[in-house]
Amino acid sequence: MHSVALLTASYAKDIERFSLLSESIDTWLTGYTRHYVLVNDEDVPLFERFASDKRVIVPASRYLPKWLFALPPALQFISSRRVWLSLLSSPVHGWHIQQILKIAGVLNAPEQRVCILDSDNLFFREFDVGQYAGGEKTPLFVTRKGIDASHPLHVLWLRTVDLLLGIKDRSFPADDYVGNALVWDKDSARAMTAAIKSATGLSWALALCRKKKFSEYLLYGNFVANSPEHLARHQVTEDSIAVSHWDDTCLDRAAIEAMMRAASPEQVALCIQSYSSTSIDDIRDVFCFSSRDRRGPSLSPDHIGDAAEFEVPKTR
């Protein structure tokens, strides 16, 4: 078995969602060595309360190249988004920085396998992530032919991936490697960054900063899929361990409960995208009720809908 770490790139505005993720990890997960949490330097004091023997808070500057530095918030007069200035490229925004940090975090982790968890994920069932991610082959999630030529954003991301990796003759519909609770192999990630340098003549971080429109998950998935050596080290699966809500529709408590009831036995995580504006209090209440078997009586997923009968105290 290979060692397995967890990795989350987060920031201050997501701290309530991250709080719920970390609580769910502490409640349900086993089989991992450390949870690395990468945050903006000024956000480190906010996240320090989550540090423990198994959770390490890492400032972003530890992994970012020296030519890339954060513009102090007090100087951001125009953009509401966090901005990083670069001596070698145009300015970079926080979403791109988080993607770069995920790659850097995997490359720098002592563990061989890394399960990447965004802040809007949580676990609601017992799960040994070491058994899932630490075997002979790394699980690689894919939605076959999930990207058609009419999807402008994903097509743009794929065009960037092709340029970064030197992939030619792209056809649509194309496979989609975006998902939740995805596992990366460190050797494959290192080979991916070497392929970026070979195709672009630039360091991988600089190449990403200059392109900007990219997806780290599509980058890794397409690299592995186009490398027979690394594909042989992965177990391709179309079954996600997470049940996910991807669009911007706001979910009420009943809808959250319905998502968890509809999860297959193999689905142990829930992701409700933060841009859906779903109430974090509603998500927390449903999570707290579904996790009562760790605090009291056992509860099966079929009875999650009974949560409305109980008054669940807020834990914020």
Protein backbone atom coordinates (compact mmCIF):
# COMPACT_ATOMS: atom_id res chain seq x y z
CA MET A 1 0.00 0.00 0.00
CA HIS A 2 1.18 3.50 -0.83
CA SER A 3 0.95 6.36 1.67
CA VAL A 4 -2.00 8.70 1.09
CA ALA A 5 -2.37 12.38 2.00
CA LEU A 6 -5.30 14.78 1.76
CA LEU A 7 -4.83 18.22 0.22
CA THR A 8 -7.08 21.29 0.23
CA ALA A 9 -6.40 24.73 -1.22
CA SER A 10 -8.66 27.24 0.53
CA TYR A 11 -8.99 30.87 1.56
CA ALA A 12 -10.77 33.13 4.06
CA LYS A 13 -14.10 33.40 2.25
CA ASP A 14 -14.43 29.61 2.25
CA ILE A 15 -13.52 29.10 5.89
CA GLU A 16 -17.02 28.03 7.02
CA ARG A 17 -17.17 25.44 4.26
CA PHE A 18 -13.66 24.30 5.09
CA SER A 19 -14.65 24.02 8.75
CA LEU A 20 -17.39 21.58 7.76
CA LEU A 21 -15.02 19.63 5.49
CA SER A 22 -12.44 19.26 8.27
CA GLU A 23 -15.11 18.19 10.76
CA SER A 24 -16.37 15.57 8.34
CA ILE A 25 -12.83 14.28 7.76
CA ASP A 26 -12.25 13.99 11.50
CA THR A 27 -15.59 12.19 11.88
CA TRP A 28 -15.49 9.72 9.01
CA LEU A 29 -12.06 9.30 7.39
CA THR A 30 -9.23 6.88 8.13
CA GLY A 31 -6.24 5.65 6.18
CA TYR A 32 -4.41 8.93 5.52
CA THR A 33 -1.21 10.35 7.00
CA ARG A 34 -1.73 14.13 6.83
CA HIS A 35 -4.21 16.71 5.59
CA TYR A 36 -2.28 19.57 3.99
CA VAL A 37 -4.22 22.85 3.87
CA LEU A 38 -2.75 25.48 1.54
CA VAL A 39 -3.97 29.04 2.14
CA ASN A 40 -2.99 32.62 1.37
CA ASP A 41 -0.30 33.84 3.76
CA GLU A 42 -2.55 36.42 5.39
CA ASP A 43 -5.20 33.73 5.97
CA VAL A 44 -2.89 31.44 7.96
CA PRO A 45 -3.95 32.90 11.36
CA LEU A 46 -7.61 32.26 10.48
CA PHE A 47 -6.95 28.61 9.67
CA GLU A 48 -4.56 27.83 12.53
CA ARG A 49 -7.44 26.69 14.74
CA PHE A 50 -7.85 23.68 12.43
CA ALA A 51 -4.24 22.54 12.83
CA SER A 52 -3.67 19.21 14.57
CA ASP A 53 -1.32 16.24 14.57
CA LYS A 54 -2.81 15.23 11.21
CA ARG A 55 -3.68 18.64 9.72
CA VAL A 56 -0.98 21.06 8.59
CA ILE A 57 -1.67 24.66 7.55
CA VAL A 58 0.75 25.71 4.79
CA PRO A 59 1.22 29.32 3.59
CA ALA A 60 0.93 29.68 -0.16
CA SER A 61 4.28 31.46 -0.45
CA ARG A 62 6.06 28.25 0.57
CA TYR A 63 5.10 26.64 -2.74
CA LEU A 64 4.71 29.56 -5.14
CA PRO A 65 7.68 30.71 -7.24
CA LYS A 66 9.51 33.81 -6.03
CA TRP A 67 8.54 35.81 -9.12
CA LEU A 68 4.85 35.52 -8.15
CA PHE A 69 3.64 37.53 -5.18
CA ALA A 70 0.30 38.57 -3.73
CA LEU A 71 -0.90 42.13 -4.05
CA PRO A 72 -1.82 43.29 -0.52
CA PRO A 73 -5.62 43.42 -0.09
CA ALA A 74 -5.47 47.11 0.85
CA LEU A 75 -4.09 47.89 -2.63
CA GLN A 76 -6.80 46.05 -4.54
CA PHE A 77 -8.91 49.04 -5.47
CA ILE A 78 -10.40 47.78 -8.71
CA SER A 79 -10.83 44.01 -8.64
CA SER A 80 -12.88 42.24 -5.98
CA ARG A 81 -10.88 39.11 -6.74
CA ARG A 82 -7.55 38.40 -5.09
CA VAL A 83 -4.68 39.34 -7.42
CA TRP A 84 -1.10 38.03 -7.66
CA LEU A 85 1.46 40.07 -9.54
CA SER A 86 4.13 38.42 -11.65
CA LEU A 87 7.45 39.61 -12.95
CA LEU A 88 7.13 37.20 -15.89
CA SER A 89 3.43 37.23 -16.82
CA SER A 90 0.29 39.32 -16.54
CA PRO A 91 -1.49 39.33 -13.13
CA VAL A 92 -3.01 36.06 -11.89
CA HIS A 93 -6.23 35.66 -9.90
CA GLY A 94 -6.93 33.54 -6.86
CA TRP A 95 -8.72 30.72 -8.70
CA HIS A 96 -5.62 30.11 -10.83
CA ILE A 97 -3.40 30.30 -7.75
CA GLN A 98 -5.46 27.58 -6.06
CA GLN A 99 -4.97 25.31 -9.06
CA ILE A 100 -1.23 25.98 -9.10
CA LEU A 101 -1.07 25.29 -5.36
CA LYS A 102 -2.78 21.93 -5.79
CA ILE A 103 -0.14 20.84 -8.28
CA ALA A 104 2.69 22.20 -6.13
CA GLY A 105 1.19 20.59 -3.03
CA VAL A 106 1.16 17.17 -4.68
CA LEU A 107 4.74 17.60 -5.91
CA ASN A 108 5.93 18.56 -2.42
CA ALA A 109 3.98 16.03 -0.38
CA PRO A 110 6.05 13.22 1.20
CA GLU A 111 3.20 10.82 0.36
CA GLN A 112 2.96 8.98 -2.97
CA ARG A 113 -0.78 9.54 -3.44
CA VAL A 114 -2.79 12.67 -2.73
CA CYS A 115 -6.58 12.96 -2.53
CA ILE A 116 -7.52 16.53 -3.49
CA LEU A 117 -10.50 17.94 -1.60
CA ASP A 118 -11.98 21.35 -2.36
CA SER A 119 -13.53 23.28 0.52
CA ASP A 120 -17.09 22.64 -0.65
CA ASN A 121 -16.72 18.88 -0.15
CA LEU A 122 -17.69 16.91 2.94
CA PHE A 123 -17.84 13.24 3.93
CA PHE A 124 -20.99 11.65 5.32
CA ARG A 125 -20.03 7.97 5.53
CA GLU A 126 -17.15 5.99 6.98
CA PHE A 127 -14.34 5.81 4.44
CA ASP A 128 -10.84 4.35 4.45
CA VAL A 129 -9.15 6.58 1.90
CA GLY A 130 -5.95 4.57 2.21
CA GLN A 131 -7.67 1.45 0.91
CA TYR A 132 -9.24 3.45 -1.91
CA ALA A 133 -6.23 5.49 -3.01
CA GLY A 134 -3.18 3.59 -1.77
CA GLY A 135 -3.41 0.40 -3.81
CA GLU A 136 -1.23 -0.75 -6.67
CA LYS A 137 -3.04 1.53 -9.13
CA THR A 138 -4.27 5.09 -8.65
CA PRO A 139 -7.99 5.60 -9.28
CA LEU A 140 -8.60 7.95 -12.21
CA PHE A 141 -12.15 9.27 -12.49
CA VAL A 142 -13.49 10.05 -15.97
CA THR A 143 -16.81 10.94 -17.55
CA ARG A 144 -16.54 9.39 -20.98
CA LYS A 145 -17.27 11.83 -23.81
CA GLY A 146 -18.50 14.32 -21.22
CA ILE A 147 -17.31 17.43 -23.07
CA ASP A 148 -18.87 18.31 -26.39
CA ALA A 149 -17.82 21.06 -28.76
CA SER A 150 -20.69 23.33 -27.67
CA HIS A 151 -19.37 23.77 -24.13
CA PRO A 152 -17.28 26.95 -24.47
CA LEU A 153 -15.45 26.93 -21.14
CA HIS A 154 -14.46 23.26 -21.13
CA VAL A 155 -13.41 23.46 -24.79
CA LEU A 156 -11.20 26.46 -23.94
CA TRP A 157 -9.65 24.53 -21.05
CA LEU A 158 -8.98 21.57 -23.32
CA ARG A 159 -7.35 23.77 -25.97
CA THR A 160 -5.02 25.07 -23.25
CA VAL A 161 -4.31 21.52 -22.06
CA ASP A 162 -3.39 20.51 -25.61
CA LEU A 163 -0.97 23.43 -25.91
CA LEU A 164 0.61 22.74 -22.51
CA LEU A 165 1.07 19.03 -23.15
CA GLY A 166 1.69 19.08 -26.91
CA ILE A 167 -1.43 17.01 -27.65
CA LYS A 168 -2.57 17.10 -31.27
CA ASP A 169 -5.72 16.03 -33.12
CA ARG A 170 -8.27 16.75 -30.38
CA SER A 171 -11.70 15.34 -31.17
CA PHE A 172 -15.10 15.94 -29.59
CA PRO A 173 -16.91 14.79 -27.60
CA ALA A 174 -13.92 14.49 -25.29
CA ASP A 175 -13.47 12.74 -21.96
CA ASP A 176 -13.97 14.86 -18.84
CA TYR A 177 -11.69 14.39 -15.83
CA VAL A 178 -13.22 17.07 -13.59
CA GLY A 179 -14.68 15.72 -10.37
CA ASN A 180 -14.50 15.73 -6.57
CA ALA A 181 -12.22 13.88 -4.16
CA LEU A 182 -9.85 13.02 -7.01
CA VAL A 183 -6.60 11.14 -6.42
CA TRP A 184 -3.27 12.01 -8.00
CA ASP A 185 -0.06 10.01 -8.06
CA LYS A 186 3.02 12.10 -7.28
CA ASP A 187 5.23 10.47 -9.90
CA SER A 188 2.59 11.08 -12.57
CA ALA A 189 2.17 14.69 -11.46
CA ARG A 190 5.92 15.19 -11.66
CA ALA A 191 6.00 13.69 -15.14
CA MET A 192 3.10 15.97 -16.13
CA THR A 193 5.04 19.08 -15.14
CA ALA A 194 8.06 17.79 -17.08
CA ALA A 195 5.83 17.33 -20.13
CA ILE A 196 4.63 20.95 -19.81
CA LYS A 197 8.22 22.18 -19.79
CA SER A 198 9.06 19.99 -22.78
CA ALA A 199 6.08 21.29 -24.80
CA THR A 200 6.35 24.97 -23.86
CA GLY A 201 10.00 25.54 -22.99
CA LEU A 202 8.83 27.13 -19.72
CA SER A 203 8.62 26.01 -16.13
CA TRP A 204 5.20 24.49 -15.49
CA ALA A 205 4.09 27.29 -13.14
CA LEU A 206 5.08 30.03 -15.57
CA ALA A 207 3.38 28.23 -18.46
CA LEU A 208 0.14 28.09 -16.44
CA CYS A 209 0.39 31.74 -15.44
CA ARG A 210 0.80 32.77 -19.06
CA LYS A 211 -2.09 30.65 -20.32
CA LYS A 212 -4.48 31.15 -17.37
CA LYS A 213 -7.54 29.44 -18.89
CA PHE A 214 -6.93 25.92 -17.69
CA SER A 215 -8.24 23.17 -15.44
CA GLU A 216 -5.79 21.28 -13.25
CA TYR A 217 -8.03 18.19 -13.32
CA LEU A 218 -8.27 18.15 -17.12
CA LEU A 219 -4.52 18.69 -17.28
CA TYR A 220 -3.73 15.67 -15.09
CA GLY A 221 -6.37 13.43 -16.61
CA ASN A 222 -5.33 14.15 -20.19
CA PHE A 223 -1.66 13.72 -19.37
CA VAL A 224 -2.27 10.29 -17.89
CA ALA A 225 -4.64 9.26 -20.70
CA ASN A 226 -2.02 10.16 -23.31
CA SER A 227 0.90 8.46 -21.55
CA PRO A 228 0.81 4.64 -21.84
CA GLU A 229 3.36 4.38 -19.02
CA HIS A 230 1.31 6.40 -16.55
CA LEU A 231 -2.06 5.15 -17.73
CA ALA A 232 -0.90 1.64 -16.85
CA ARG A 233 -0.37 2.86 -13.27
CA HIS A 234 -4.00 4.03 -12.97
CA GLN A 235 -7.32 2.28 -12.64
CA VAL A 236 -9.78 4.21 -14.80
CA THR A 237 -13.26 4.45 -13.28
CA GLU A 238 -16.50 6.16 -14.21
CA ASP A 239 -17.81 5.85 -10.66
CA SER A 240 -17.24 8.90 -8.47
CA ILE A 241 -17.05 8.54 -4.70
CA ALA A 242 -18.84 11.89 -4.43
CA VAL A 243 -22.39 12.91 -5.21
CA SER A 244 -22.20 16.43 -6.63
CA HIS A 245 -24.32 19.49 -7.35
CA TRP A 246 -22.55 21.40 -10.13
CA ASP A 247 -24.92 24.17 -11.21
CA ASP A 248 -25.83 27.49 -9.60
CA THR A 249 -29.28 26.46 -8.36
CA CYS A 250 -29.65 27.13 -4.64
CA LEU A 251 -30.62 23.95 -2.76
CA ASP A 252 -32.90 23.89 0.26
CA ARG A 253 -32.56 21.45 3.12
CA ALA A 254 -34.92 18.91 1.59
CA ALA A 255 -32.89 18.88 -1.63
CA ILE A 256 -29.65 18.34 0.28
CA GLU A 257 -31.23 15.42 2.15
CA ALA A 258 -32.48 13.99 -1.15
CA MET A 259 -28.96 14.10 -2.61
CA MET A 260 -27.59 12.10 0.28
CA ARG A 261 -30.45 9.58 0.15
CA ALA A 262 -29.84 9.10 -3.58
CA ALA A 263 -26.11 8.40 -3.11
CA SER A 264 -24.97 4.91 -4.02
CA PRO A 265 -23.29 2.80 -1.30
CA GLU A 266 -19.90 3.64 -2.84
CA GLN A 267 -20.50 7.39 -2.68
CA VAL A 268 -19.16 8.69 0.62
CA ALA A 269 -18.73 12.41 -0.10
CA LEU A 270 -21.04 15.30 -0.94
CA CYS A 271 -20.12 18.36 -2.97
CA ILE A 272 -22.43 21.35 -3.31
CA GLN A 273 -20.61 24.01 -5.28
CA SER A 274 -20.17 27.23 -3.34
CA TYR A 275 -21.39 29.34 -6.25
CA SER A 276 -24.86 27.76 -5.84
CA SER A 277 -25.30 29.99 -2.73
CA THR A 278 -26.77 27.04 -0.84
CA SER A 279 -26.95 27.84 2.88
CA ILE A 280 -23.95 26.49 4.74
CA ASP A 281 -26.18 26.24 7.83
CA ASP A 282 -28.54 23.89 5.99
CA ILE A 283 -25.63 21.77 4.77
CA ARG A 284 -24.19 21.63 8.30
CA ASP A 285 -27.52 20.69 9.86
CA VAL A 286 -28.01 17.80 7.45
CA PHE A 287 -24.42 16.68 8.00
CA CYS A 288 -24.75 16.82 11.79
CA PHE A 289 -27.91 14.73 11.71
CA SER A 290 -26.46 12.16 9.30
CA SER A 291 -23.39 11.84 11.54
CA ARG A 292 -25.29 11.17 14.76
CA ASP A 293 -24.14 7.55 14.77
CA ARG A 294 -20.69 8.88 15.75
CA ARG A 295 -22.27 10.85 18.59
CA GLY A 296 -25.32 8.77 19.48
CA PRO A 297 -27.91 6.52 17.80
CA SER A 298 -27.11 4.94 14.46
CA LEU A 299 -28.79 6.40 11.40
CA SER A 300 -28.99 4.92 7.92
CA PRO A 301 -29.01 7.18 4.84
CA ASP A 302 -32.63 6.11 4.22
CA HIS A 303 -33.65 8.07 7.31
CA ILE A 304 -31.86 11.30 6.55
CA GLY A 305 -35.19 12.79 5.53
CA ASP A 306 -36.34 12.49 9.14
CA ALA A 307 -33.89 15.25 10.06
CA ALA A 308 -36.66 17.83 9.95
CA GLU A 309 -38.18 16.19 13.01
CA PHE A 310 -35.20 17.13 15.14
CA GLU A 311 -33.82 20.46 16.24
CA VAL A 312 -30.14 20.39 15.37
CA PRO A 313 -28.07 22.95 17.25
CA LYS A 314 -25.91 25.31 15.22
CA THR A 315 -22.20 24.65 15.68
CA ARG A 316 -20.76 27.68 13.95
